[in-house]
N, C-alpha and C. Protein backbone atom coordinates (compact mmCIF):
# COMPACT_ATOMS: atom_id res chain seq x y z
N MET A 1 144.39 95.24 280.17
CA MET A 1 145.14 93.96 280.26
C MET A 1 145.70 93.65 278.78
N SER A 2 146.84 93.00 278.76
CA SER A 2 147.55 92.62 277.39
C SER A 2 146.64 91.61 276.72
N ILE A 3 146.86 91.56 275.48
CA ILE A 3 146.29 90.57 274.61
C ILE A 3 147.20 89.35 274.59
N ARG A 4 146.69 88.35 275.11
CA ARG A 4 147.53 87.13 275.22
C ARG A 4 147.48 86.17 273.95
N ILE A 5 148.83 85.95 273.36
CA ILE A 5 148.95 85.48 272.05
C ILE A 5 149.66 84.06 272.12
N LEU A 6 149.30 83.10 271.39
CA LEU A 6 150.00 81.84 271.07
C LEU A 6 150.48 81.84 269.56
N VAL A 7 151.82 81.58 269.36
CA VAL A 7 152.37 81.66 268.13
C VAL A 7 152.47 80.14 267.65
N ALA A 8 151.84 79.70 266.56
CA ALA A 8 152.04 78.22 266.13
C ALA A 8 152.61 78.32 264.68
N ASP A 9 153.80 77.78 264.65
CA ASP A 9 154.54 77.75 263.31
C ASP A 9 155.68 76.72 263.43
N ASP A 10 155.85 75.92 262.59
CA ASP A 10 156.92 74.91 262.67
C ASP A 10 158.32 75.31 262.24
N HIS A 11 158.48 76.48 261.82
CA HIS A 11 159.62 77.27 261.48
C HIS A 11 160.24 78.07 262.63
N GLY A 12 161.17 77.58 263.37
CA GLY A 12 161.63 77.93 264.63
C GLY A 12 162.07 79.61 264.59
N ILE A 13 162.99 79.84 263.44
CA ILE A 13 163.37 81.21 263.32
C ILE A 13 162.23 82.18 263.11
N LEU A 14 161.33 81.83 262.27
CA LEU A 14 160.03 82.62 261.98
C LEU A 14 159.22 82.77 263.27
N ARG A 15 159.05 81.74 263.81
CA ARG A 15 158.29 81.66 265.15
C ARG A 15 158.78 82.66 266.19
N GLN A 16 160.15 82.56 266.42
CA GLN A 16 160.78 83.34 267.35
C GLN A 16 160.87 84.76 266.99
N GLY A 17 161.04 85.03 265.68
CA GLY A 17 160.95 86.46 265.14
C GLY A 17 159.69 87.17 265.24
N ILE A 18 158.56 86.40 265.10
CA ILE A 18 157.30 87.05 265.33
C ILE A 18 156.96 87.20 266.73
N THR A 19 157.48 86.35 267.63
CA THR A 19 157.31 86.47 269.07
C THR A 19 158.06 87.79 269.62
N ALA A 20 159.30 88.07 269.13
CA ALA A 20 160.07 89.06 269.50
C ALA A 20 159.41 90.33 269.02
N LEU A 21 158.90 90.42 267.81
CA LEU A 21 158.22 91.63 267.44
C LEU A 21 156.97 91.98 268.24
N ILE A 22 156.21 90.88 268.47
CA ILE A 22 154.88 91.09 269.26
C ILE A 22 155.29 91.64 270.73
N GLU A 23 156.28 91.05 271.31
CA GLU A 23 156.66 91.33 272.61
C GLU A 23 157.09 92.82 272.92
N LYS A 24 157.37 93.47 271.65
CA LYS A 24 157.65 95.03 271.77
C LYS A 24 156.37 95.82 271.96
N GLN A 25 155.29 95.18 271.67
CA GLN A 25 154.06 95.91 271.93
C GLN A 25 153.70 96.08 273.31
N ASN A 26 153.25 97.15 273.83
CA ASN A 26 153.06 97.39 275.16
C ASN A 26 151.79 96.63 275.75
N ASP A 27 150.72 96.48 274.75
CA ASP A 27 149.44 95.81 275.08
C ASP A 27 149.36 94.38 274.52
N MET A 28 150.49 93.62 274.38
CA MET A 28 150.52 92.42 273.80
C MET A 28 151.48 91.48 274.54
N GLU A 29 151.25 90.20 274.72
CA GLU A 29 152.51 89.25 275.16
C GLU A 29 152.04 88.02 274.55
N VAL A 30 153.28 87.24 274.25
CA VAL A 30 153.23 86.04 273.79
C VAL A 30 153.16 84.83 274.87
N VAL A 31 152.28 84.04 275.04
CA VAL A 31 152.15 83.09 276.32
C VAL A 31 152.73 81.80 275.95
N GLY A 32 152.91 81.58 274.59
CA GLY A 32 153.45 80.37 274.24
C GLY A 32 153.70 80.12 272.80
N GLU A 33 154.65 79.21 272.44
CA GLU A 33 154.82 78.87 270.98
C GLU A 33 154.71 77.47 270.72
N ALA A 34 154.20 77.08 269.70
CA ALA A 34 153.98 75.76 269.32
C ALA A 34 154.51 75.35 267.86
N ASP A 35 155.11 74.24 267.84
CA ASP A 35 155.83 73.84 266.42
C ASP A 35 155.05 73.00 265.71
N ASN A 36 153.90 72.55 266.18
CA ASN A 36 153.08 71.74 265.16
C ASN A 36 151.61 71.96 265.67
N GLY A 37 150.72 71.57 264.89
CA GLY A 37 149.31 71.69 265.12
C GLY A 37 148.74 71.04 266.47
N LEU A 38 149.19 69.89 266.75
CA LEU A 38 148.81 69.09 267.93
C LEU A 38 149.23 69.90 269.28
N ASN A 39 150.47 70.38 269.30
CA ASN A 39 151.03 71.13 270.23
C ASN A 39 150.21 72.40 270.45
N ALA A 40 149.75 73.03 269.42
CA ALA A 40 148.98 74.18 269.50
C ALA A 40 147.63 73.86 270.17
N VAL A 41 146.99 72.89 269.77
CA VAL A 41 145.82 72.59 270.56
C VAL A 41 145.91 72.30 271.79
N GLU A 42 146.82 71.58 272.29
CA GLU A 42 147.24 71.32 273.72
C GLU A 42 147.63 72.47 274.47
N MET A 43 148.37 73.47 273.78
CA MET A 43 148.84 74.73 274.61
C MET A 43 147.52 75.64 274.86
N VAL A 44 146.56 75.61 273.60
CA VAL A 44 145.55 76.45 273.81
C VAL A 44 144.57 76.00 275.17
N ARG A 45 144.47 74.67 275.12
CA ARG A 45 143.61 74.12 276.20
C ARG A 45 144.20 74.59 277.59
N LYS A 46 145.57 74.70 277.77
CA LYS A 46 146.35 74.87 278.92
C LYS A 46 146.44 76.37 279.25
N LEU A 47 146.75 77.08 278.27
CA LEU A 47 147.09 78.51 278.34
C LEU A 47 146.04 79.51 278.06
N ARG A 48 144.92 79.04 277.42
CA ARG A 48 143.79 79.96 276.93
C ARG A 48 144.20 81.25 276.52
N PRO A 49 144.81 81.36 275.41
CA PRO A 49 145.29 82.61 274.97
C PRO A 49 144.00 83.38 274.37
N ASP A 50 144.17 84.55 274.02
CA ASP A 50 143.14 85.38 273.34
C ASP A 50 143.09 85.03 271.89
N VAL A 51 144.23 85.03 271.31
CA VAL A 51 144.47 84.94 270.01
C VAL A 51 145.55 83.84 269.50
N VAL A 52 145.38 83.08 268.61
CA VAL A 52 146.28 82.12 268.02
C VAL A 52 146.70 82.45 266.59
N LEU A 53 147.97 82.76 266.53
CA LEU A 53 148.59 83.00 265.09
C LEU A 53 148.83 81.55 264.61
N MET A 54 148.27 81.09 263.62
CA MET A 54 148.30 79.81 263.23
C MET A 54 148.74 79.70 261.77
N ASP A 55 149.91 78.85 261.54
CA ASP A 55 150.43 78.57 260.28
C ASP A 55 149.36 77.61 259.71
N VAL A 56 149.43 77.43 258.34
CA VAL A 56 148.37 76.37 257.66
C VAL A 56 149.16 75.00 257.57
N THR A 57 150.33 74.87 257.15
CA THR A 57 150.89 73.54 256.97
C THR A 57 151.92 73.36 258.08
N MET A 58 151.55 72.59 258.93
CA MET A 58 152.51 72.05 260.13
C MET A 58 152.53 70.63 260.18
N PRO A 59 153.33 69.86 260.78
CA PRO A 59 153.55 68.52 260.88
C PRO A 59 152.58 68.10 262.03
N VAL A 60 152.43 66.74 262.05
CA VAL A 60 151.46 66.10 263.09
C VAL A 60 150.10 66.45 263.01
N LEU A 61 149.84 67.77 262.95
CA LEU A 61 148.43 68.21 262.73
C LEU A 61 148.48 69.41 262.05
N ASN A 62 147.97 69.52 260.91
CA ASN A 62 147.98 70.94 260.13
C ASN A 62 147.17 72.05 260.79
N GLY A 63 147.25 73.17 260.32
CA GLY A 63 146.63 74.34 260.85
C GLY A 63 145.04 74.33 260.65
N ILE A 64 144.61 73.75 259.58
CA ILE A 64 143.23 73.59 259.28
C ILE A 64 142.46 72.68 260.46
N GLU A 65 143.08 71.54 260.69
CA GLU A 65 142.60 70.62 261.62
C GLU A 65 142.71 71.22 263.15
N ALA A 66 143.87 71.81 263.35
CA ALA A 66 144.12 72.36 264.62
C ALA A 66 143.05 73.53 265.02
N THR A 67 142.85 74.38 263.96
CA THR A 67 141.89 75.38 264.05
C THR A 67 140.57 74.81 264.52
N ARG A 68 140.08 73.71 263.64
CA ARG A 68 138.81 73.32 263.91
C ARG A 68 138.65 72.76 265.26
N GLN A 69 139.63 72.08 265.66
CA GLN A 69 139.58 71.46 267.17
C GLN A 69 139.43 72.58 268.15
N ILE A 70 140.28 73.59 267.93
CA ILE A 70 140.27 74.74 268.89
C ILE A 70 138.95 75.45 268.91
N LYS A 71 138.56 75.73 267.78
CA LYS A 71 137.05 76.56 267.85
C LYS A 71 135.86 75.71 268.26
N LYS A 72 136.11 74.29 268.19
CA LYS A 72 135.08 73.36 268.68
C LYS A 72 135.13 73.29 270.24
N GLU A 73 136.35 73.39 270.93
CA GLU A 73 136.44 73.16 272.22
C GLU A 73 136.46 74.59 272.92
N LEU A 74 137.05 75.60 272.37
CA LEU A 74 137.18 76.99 272.98
C LEU A 74 136.85 78.03 271.88
N PRO A 75 135.46 78.14 271.56
CA PRO A 75 135.09 79.03 270.56
C PRO A 75 135.42 80.59 270.70
N GLU A 76 135.64 80.85 271.99
CA GLU A 76 135.96 82.23 272.30
C GLU A 76 137.46 82.56 271.87
N THR A 77 138.18 81.67 271.62
CA THR A 77 139.70 81.80 271.25
C THR A 77 139.65 82.34 269.80
N LYS A 78 140.26 83.32 269.45
CA LYS A 78 140.38 83.85 268.06
C LYS A 78 141.63 83.21 267.48
N VAL A 79 141.29 82.72 266.24
CA VAL A 79 142.54 82.27 265.41
C VAL A 79 142.84 83.06 264.09
N LEU A 80 144.04 83.50 264.20
CA LEU A 80 144.30 84.32 262.97
C LEU A 80 145.39 83.57 262.09
N ALA A 81 145.11 83.24 260.94
CA ALA A 81 145.95 82.39 260.06
C ALA A 81 147.00 83.29 259.44
N LEU A 82 148.27 82.72 259.58
CA LEU A 82 149.34 83.54 259.16
C LEU A 82 150.24 82.56 258.35
N SER A 83 150.08 82.68 256.93
CA SER A 83 150.64 81.58 256.04
C SER A 83 151.31 82.17 254.78
N VAL A 84 152.04 81.48 254.17
CA VAL A 84 152.53 81.75 252.85
C VAL A 84 151.57 81.32 251.79
N HIS A 85 150.55 80.41 252.15
CA HIS A 85 149.70 79.82 251.21
C HIS A 85 148.58 81.02 250.89
N THR A 86 148.33 81.17 249.51
CA THR A 86 147.30 81.89 249.02
C THR A 86 146.31 81.07 248.03
N LYS A 87 146.62 79.79 248.05
CA LYS A 87 145.89 78.96 247.26
C LYS A 87 144.40 78.87 247.80
N ARG A 88 143.44 79.00 246.92
CA ARG A 88 142.11 79.19 247.22
C ARG A 88 141.59 77.99 248.18
N GLU A 89 141.88 76.73 247.97
CA GLU A 89 141.53 75.73 248.74
C GLU A 89 141.92 75.89 250.17
N PHE A 90 143.20 76.27 250.51
CA PHE A 90 143.77 76.52 251.72
C PHE A 90 142.95 77.60 252.45
N VAL A 91 142.74 78.78 251.73
CA VAL A 91 142.07 79.71 252.34
C VAL A 91 140.65 79.40 252.76
N LEU A 92 139.82 78.90 251.94
CA LEU A 92 138.56 78.59 252.19
C LEU A 92 138.42 77.50 253.32
N ASP A 93 139.31 76.51 253.32
CA ASP A 93 139.23 75.52 254.51
C ASP A 93 139.60 76.09 255.69
N MET A 94 140.49 77.16 255.90
CA MET A 94 140.82 77.79 257.03
C MET A 94 139.56 78.69 257.51
N VAL A 95 138.90 79.32 256.56
CA VAL A 95 137.58 80.06 256.72
C VAL A 95 136.59 79.12 257.41
N LYS A 96 136.37 77.96 256.72
CA LYS A 96 135.53 77.01 257.21
C LYS A 96 135.77 76.46 258.52
N ALA A 97 137.05 76.28 258.82
CA ALA A 97 137.61 75.87 260.16
C ALA A 97 137.14 76.69 261.26
N GLY A 98 137.09 77.99 260.98
CA GLY A 98 136.59 79.02 262.01
C GLY A 98 137.56 80.09 262.19
N VAL A 99 138.46 80.37 261.45
CA VAL A 99 139.48 81.57 261.66
C VAL A 99 138.83 83.00 261.63
N SER A 100 139.26 83.83 262.36
CA SER A 100 138.67 85.15 262.36
C SER A 100 139.50 86.04 261.36
N GLY A 101 140.50 85.65 260.86
CA GLY A 101 141.27 86.36 259.90
C GLY A 101 142.27 85.55 259.16
N TYR A 102 142.86 86.02 258.01
CA TYR A 102 143.78 85.24 257.25
C TYR A 102 144.79 86.31 256.73
N MET A 103 145.98 86.14 256.98
CA MET A 103 147.05 87.01 256.45
C MET A 103 148.19 86.33 255.82
N VAL A 104 148.89 86.82 254.87
CA VAL A 104 149.96 86.27 254.22
C VAL A 104 151.13 86.68 254.95
N LYS A 105 152.31 85.79 255.08
CA LYS A 105 153.48 86.18 255.92
C LYS A 105 154.32 87.25 255.32
N GLU A 106 154.01 87.63 253.99
CA GLU A 106 154.80 88.79 253.58
C GLU A 106 154.39 90.28 254.14
N CYS A 107 153.34 90.14 254.97
CA CYS A 107 152.67 91.33 255.65
C CYS A 107 153.62 91.97 256.44
N VAL A 108 153.39 93.41 256.63
CA VAL A 108 154.26 94.20 257.45
C VAL A 108 153.85 94.13 258.93
N LEU A 109 154.76 94.41 259.81
CA LEU A 109 154.35 94.22 261.40
C LEU A 109 153.10 95.14 261.67
N ASP A 110 153.04 96.37 261.10
CA ASP A 110 151.78 97.03 261.51
C ASP A 110 150.54 96.52 261.08
N ASP A 111 150.52 95.77 259.97
CA ASP A 111 149.16 95.17 259.55
C ASP A 111 148.99 93.94 260.49
N LEU A 112 149.94 93.20 260.97
CA LEU A 112 149.68 92.05 261.73
C LEU A 112 149.31 92.55 263.16
N ILE A 113 149.83 93.56 263.65
CA ILE A 113 149.26 94.11 264.88
C ILE A 113 147.90 94.63 264.72
N ARG A 114 147.53 95.42 263.70
CA ARG A 114 146.19 95.73 263.38
C ARG A 114 145.33 94.54 263.39
N ALA A 115 145.82 93.45 262.65
CA ALA A 115 144.81 92.34 262.54
C ALA A 115 144.49 91.75 263.85
N ILE A 116 145.50 91.60 264.71
CA ILE A 116 145.31 90.94 266.02
C ILE A 116 144.22 91.83 266.85
N LYS A 117 144.45 93.05 266.88
CA LYS A 117 143.53 94.02 267.60
C LYS A 117 141.98 93.87 266.76
N VAL A 118 141.97 93.64 265.63
CA VAL A 118 140.66 93.63 264.83
C VAL A 118 139.79 92.40 265.37
N VAL A 119 140.61 91.24 265.46
CA VAL A 119 139.88 89.95 265.68
C VAL A 119 139.67 89.79 267.25
N VAL A 120 140.44 90.44 267.92
CA VAL A 120 140.06 90.47 269.47
C VAL A 120 138.79 91.41 269.61
N ASP A 121 138.58 92.24 268.76
CA ASP A 121 137.22 93.12 268.92
C ASP A 121 136.00 92.38 268.21
N ASN A 122 136.29 91.10 267.89
CA ASN A 122 135.25 90.23 267.35
C ASN A 122 134.91 90.66 265.88
N GLN A 123 135.88 91.14 265.16
CA GLN A 123 135.75 91.41 263.74
C GLN A 123 136.60 90.45 262.87
N SER A 124 136.52 90.64 261.63
CA SER A 124 137.30 89.88 260.84
C SER A 124 138.30 90.52 260.09
N TYR A 125 139.40 89.93 259.71
CA TYR A 125 140.48 90.80 258.97
C TYR A 125 141.09 89.81 258.00
N LEU A 126 141.22 90.23 256.83
CA LEU A 126 141.78 89.52 255.58
C LEU A 126 142.70 90.35 254.81
N SER A 127 143.88 89.79 254.40
CA SER A 127 144.75 90.62 253.70
C SER A 127 144.13 90.76 252.33
N PRO A 128 144.50 91.90 251.71
CA PRO A 128 143.79 92.20 250.41
C PRO A 128 143.62 91.04 249.43
N GLN A 129 144.71 90.51 249.11
CA GLN A 129 144.65 89.19 248.13
C GLN A 129 143.89 88.13 248.67
N ILE A 130 143.74 87.93 249.95
CA ILE A 130 142.96 86.84 250.55
C ILE A 130 141.50 87.23 250.60
N ALA A 131 141.09 88.43 250.66
CA ALA A 131 139.74 88.90 250.67
C ALA A 131 139.14 88.57 249.16
N SER A 132 139.89 88.81 248.15
CA SER A 132 139.42 88.57 246.76
C SER A 132 139.14 87.24 246.62
N ILE A 133 140.07 86.27 247.19
CA ILE A 133 140.01 84.80 247.10
C ILE A 133 138.61 84.45 247.87
N VAL A 134 138.24 85.00 249.06
CA VAL A 134 137.07 84.53 249.78
C VAL A 134 136.03 84.97 249.08
N LEU A 135 135.85 86.11 248.55
CA LEU A 135 134.74 86.73 247.87
C LEU A 135 134.45 85.80 246.63
N GLU A 136 135.56 85.36 245.81
CA GLU A 136 135.40 84.55 244.83
C GLU A 136 134.79 83.21 245.13
N GLY A 137 135.20 82.87 246.36
CA GLY A 137 134.61 81.57 246.89
C GLY A 137 133.18 81.55 247.10
N ILE A 138 132.76 82.72 247.69
CA ILE A 138 131.37 83.05 247.99
C ILE A 138 130.53 82.94 246.76
N THR A 139 130.93 83.69 245.67
CA THR A 139 130.16 83.88 244.43
C THR A 139 130.15 82.64 243.67
N LYS A 140 131.32 81.72 243.78
CA LYS A 140 131.28 80.45 243.01
C LYS A 140 130.65 79.43 243.51
N ASP A 141 131.00 79.04 244.77
CA ASP A 141 130.36 77.85 245.29
C ASP A 141 130.10 78.03 246.79
N SER A 142 129.89 79.13 247.34
CA SER A 142 129.50 79.51 248.62
C SER A 142 130.72 79.34 249.53
N ILE A 143 130.76 79.91 250.65
CA ILE A 143 131.79 79.83 251.51
C ILE A 143 132.20 78.43 252.04
N PHE A 144 131.23 77.55 251.74
CA PHE A 144 131.33 76.12 252.32
C PHE A 144 132.13 75.35 251.34
N GLY A 145 132.50 75.85 250.27
CA GLY A 145 133.41 75.06 249.46
C GLY A 145 132.79 73.99 248.71
N VAL A 146 133.30 72.80 248.95
CA VAL A 146 132.76 71.56 248.33
C VAL A 146 131.29 71.22 248.75
N VAL A 147 130.50 70.80 247.74
CA VAL A 147 129.17 70.57 248.14
C VAL A 147 129.09 69.43 249.19
N ASP A 148 128.26 69.60 250.12
CA ASP A 148 127.95 68.64 251.28
C ASP A 148 127.58 67.36 250.60
N GLY A 149 128.10 66.24 251.22
CA GLY A 149 127.56 64.93 250.78
C GLY A 149 128.51 64.40 249.55
N ASP A 150 129.42 65.22 249.11
CA ASP A 150 130.37 64.70 248.10
C ASP A 150 131.12 63.45 248.69
N SER A 151 130.91 62.22 248.03
CA SER A 151 131.37 61.00 248.66
C SER A 151 132.95 60.99 248.52
N LYS A 152 133.58 61.95 247.78
CA LYS A 152 134.96 61.89 247.59
C LYS A 152 135.70 62.92 248.52
N THR A 153 134.99 63.57 249.29
CA THR A 153 135.50 64.63 250.15
C THR A 153 135.81 63.95 251.43
N LEU A 154 137.18 64.10 251.86
CA LEU A 154 137.61 63.61 253.17
C LEU A 154 137.07 64.28 254.29
N THR A 155 136.71 63.45 255.45
CA THR A 155 136.31 63.91 256.54
C THR A 155 137.33 64.60 257.41
N PRO A 156 137.17 65.57 258.49
CA PRO A 156 138.36 66.01 259.14
C PRO A 156 139.11 64.88 259.78
N ARG A 157 138.43 63.84 260.29
CA ARG A 157 139.21 62.69 261.04
C ARG A 157 140.12 62.00 259.73
N GLU A 158 139.42 61.81 258.63
CA GLU A 158 140.30 61.22 257.54
C GLU A 158 141.47 62.10 257.18
N ASN A 159 141.27 63.44 257.27
CA ASN A 159 142.38 64.15 256.92
C ASN A 159 143.40 64.22 257.84
N GLN A 160 143.11 64.08 259.18
CA GLN A 160 144.19 63.88 260.31
C GLN A 160 144.84 62.76 260.11
N ILE A 161 144.16 61.56 259.98
CA ILE A 161 144.87 60.31 259.82
C ILE A 161 145.67 60.18 258.61
N LEU A 162 145.20 60.85 257.46
CA LEU A 162 146.10 60.76 256.15
C LEU A 162 147.38 61.69 256.59
N GLN A 163 147.31 62.74 257.12
CA GLN A 163 148.59 63.37 257.55
C GLN A 163 149.49 62.69 258.18
N LEU A 164 149.03 61.99 259.26
CA LEU A 164 149.89 61.20 260.13
C LEU A 164 150.47 60.02 259.35
N LEU A 165 149.82 59.35 258.43
CA LEU A 165 150.29 58.19 257.67
C LEU A 165 151.18 58.63 256.72
N THR A 166 151.01 59.81 256.17
CA THR A 166 152.08 60.26 255.09
C THR A 166 153.28 60.91 255.82
N GLU A 167 153.26 61.16 257.12
CA GLU A 167 154.50 61.62 257.74
C GLU A 167 155.18 60.46 258.39
N GLY A 168 154.79 59.30 258.02
CA GLY A 168 155.57 58.13 258.43
C GLY A 168 155.19 57.38 259.65
N ASN A 169 154.03 57.58 260.34
CA ASN A 169 153.69 57.15 261.49
C ASN A 169 152.98 55.84 261.21
N PRO A 170 153.36 54.71 261.95
CA PRO A 170 152.68 53.39 261.84
C PRO A 170 151.31 53.48 262.41
N ALA A 171 150.53 52.54 261.95
CA ALA A 171 149.02 52.55 262.36
C ALA A 171 148.91 52.26 263.85
N LYS A 172 149.76 51.53 264.49
CA LYS A 172 149.68 51.34 265.93
C LYS A 172 149.79 52.77 266.61
N GLN A 173 150.77 53.66 266.26
CA GLN A 173 151.18 54.62 266.86
C GLN A 173 150.05 55.77 266.62
N ILE A 174 149.52 55.79 265.45
CA ILE A 174 148.20 56.65 265.14
C ILE A 174 147.13 56.32 265.98
N ALA A 175 146.91 55.09 266.15
CA ALA A 175 145.76 54.57 267.00
C ALA A 175 145.93 54.88 268.44
N LEU A 176 147.10 54.87 269.02
CA LEU A 176 147.39 55.30 270.27
C LEU A 176 147.17 56.76 270.47
N GLN A 177 147.76 57.49 269.55
CA GLN A 177 147.65 58.93 269.68
C GLN A 177 146.16 59.47 269.51
N LEU A 178 145.32 58.89 268.82
CA LEU A 178 144.00 59.27 268.47
C LEU A 178 142.90 58.62 269.35
N GLY A 179 143.59 57.60 270.05
CA GLY A 179 142.54 56.74 270.97
C GLY A 179 141.54 55.98 270.14
N LEU A 180 142.17 55.34 269.14
CA LEU A 180 141.41 54.54 268.14
C LEU A 180 142.13 53.15 268.21
N SER A 181 141.20 52.16 267.61
CA SER A 181 141.81 50.90 267.34
C SER A 181 142.70 50.72 266.00
N VAL A 182 143.70 49.92 266.06
CA VAL A 182 144.41 49.79 264.87
C VAL A 182 143.55 49.50 263.66
N LYS A 183 142.51 48.53 264.00
CA LYS A 183 141.80 48.33 262.81
C LYS A 183 140.98 49.39 262.21
N THR A 184 140.62 50.29 263.15
CA THR A 184 139.95 51.58 262.62
C THR A 184 140.80 52.34 261.71
N ILE A 185 142.11 52.41 262.24
CA ILE A 185 143.04 53.14 261.43
C ILE A 185 143.22 52.56 259.88
N GLU A 186 143.29 51.24 259.98
CA GLU A 186 143.53 50.41 258.77
C GLU A 186 142.32 50.66 257.91
N ALA A 187 141.15 50.66 258.45
CA ALA A 187 139.95 50.77 257.68
C ALA A 187 139.88 52.05 257.06
N THR A 188 140.20 53.14 257.83
CA THR A 188 140.08 54.58 257.37
C THR A 188 141.16 54.68 256.27
N ARG A 189 142.31 54.08 256.32
CA ARG A 189 143.31 54.21 255.26
C ARG A 189 142.73 53.67 254.00
N ARG A 190 142.02 52.49 254.07
CA ARG A 190 141.38 51.94 252.90
C ARG A 190 140.38 52.91 252.39
N GLN A 191 139.54 53.40 253.22
CA GLN A 191 138.54 54.44 252.64
C GLN A 191 139.23 55.55 252.13
N ILE A 192 140.19 56.09 252.61
CA ILE A 192 141.06 57.34 252.03
C ILE A 192 141.46 57.05 250.72
N MET A 193 141.95 55.74 250.61
CA MET A 193 142.45 55.42 249.21
C MET A 193 141.42 55.21 248.25
N GLU A 194 140.18 54.79 248.68
CA GLU A 194 139.08 54.66 247.66
C GLU A 194 138.70 55.97 247.35
N LYS A 195 138.43 57.04 248.20
CA LYS A 195 138.06 58.38 248.02
C LYS A 195 139.03 59.11 247.05
N THR A 196 140.40 59.00 247.32
CA THR A 196 141.48 59.68 246.59
C THR A 196 141.82 59.00 245.34
N GLU A 197 141.21 57.74 245.20
CA GLU A 197 141.45 56.89 243.97
C GLU A 197 143.08 56.67 243.77
N VAL A 198 143.76 56.41 244.85
CA VAL A 198 145.03 55.96 244.77
C VAL A 198 145.17 54.57 245.39
N ASP A 199 146.40 53.92 245.19
CA ASP A 199 146.50 52.56 245.68
C ASP A 199 147.85 52.30 246.29
N ASN A 200 148.67 53.32 246.60
CA ASN A 200 149.82 53.10 247.25
C ASN A 200 150.23 54.45 248.09
N LEU A 201 151.16 54.39 248.96
CA LEU A 201 151.49 55.35 249.90
C LEU A 201 152.18 56.55 249.28
N ALA A 202 153.01 56.23 248.18
CA ALA A 202 153.69 57.23 247.45
C ALA A 202 152.70 58.32 246.79
N ASP A 203 151.67 57.81 246.04
CA ASP A 203 150.70 58.62 245.57
C ASP A 203 149.78 59.24 246.52
N LEU A 204 149.54 58.55 247.63
CA LEU A 204 148.75 59.14 248.77
C LEU A 204 149.55 60.31 249.36
N THR A 205 150.75 60.17 249.56
CA THR A 205 151.73 61.32 250.01
C THR A 205 151.70 62.52 249.13
N LYS A 206 151.66 62.36 247.71
CA LYS A 206 151.62 63.36 246.77
C LYS A 206 150.38 64.06 247.11
N TYR A 207 149.28 63.38 247.22
CA TYR A 207 147.86 64.08 247.51
C TYR A 207 147.88 64.90 248.52
N ALA A 208 148.42 64.26 249.65
CA ALA A 208 148.42 64.91 250.91
C ALA A 208 149.21 66.40 250.82
N ILE A 209 150.37 66.29 250.13
CA ILE A 209 151.21 67.53 249.77
C ILE A 209 150.46 68.43 248.99
N ARG A 210 149.85 67.99 247.85
CA ARG A 210 148.97 68.97 247.11
C ARG A 210 147.88 69.68 247.92
N GLU A 211 147.30 68.86 248.72
CA GLU A 211 146.17 69.52 249.40
C GLU A 211 146.67 70.27 250.80
N GLY A 212 147.97 70.24 251.04
CA GLY A 212 148.40 71.10 252.04
C GLY A 212 148.31 70.37 253.36
N LEU A 213 148.18 69.15 253.45
CA LEU A 213 147.90 68.38 254.68
C LEU A 213 149.19 67.95 255.39
N THR A 214 150.29 68.04 254.73
CA THR A 214 151.61 67.60 255.18
C THR A 214 152.60 68.42 254.66
N THR A 215 153.72 68.62 255.38
CA THR A 215 154.99 69.39 254.85
C THR A 215 156.07 68.47 254.41
N VAL A 216 155.70 67.16 254.32
CA VAL A 216 156.65 66.01 253.85
C VAL A 216 157.17 66.61 252.32
């Protein structure tokens, strides 16, 4: 049977190019394409692919949060990060979220195909430069990154709300999308500002961009 793949990337040309290359493989098929993290999660629920090729920075819901939701609901689905980002924080956050592999977009097709097959076989695959980052993370402060209980660390829900806020979504719309009350969204926004030590949306947006939570 063919390996069923979902491609999640907000750049249409790149997404379509990856799809076209994968479709040339006799033992692989692309069952869907998602242009943001939220669509990726919804499509995984519907299509149940074997592997998700996941970009890290995407609108609405970034790849880190999307991966976390997918692995929580469908742990058997393999997620392979495919990103331009080699920043240590991005890599370790994706690993913590549950990816089976992490590749940089400058990789060649043969490496991508090999990586897909490796993760389907329940193994891990890391690009060489990514492997060194992960090993450094293990030796420095463990694979779990920031120490648990750090009062300034944003929770997954706070990261999700922060991304939606900095992408220009009003509190009412965010509340509707997440199934929460407007008061909860506003309270979370205040908590985020306290943790990040900023007092305006402009600086909050800069923080979100720096942390890779938004493509704004």
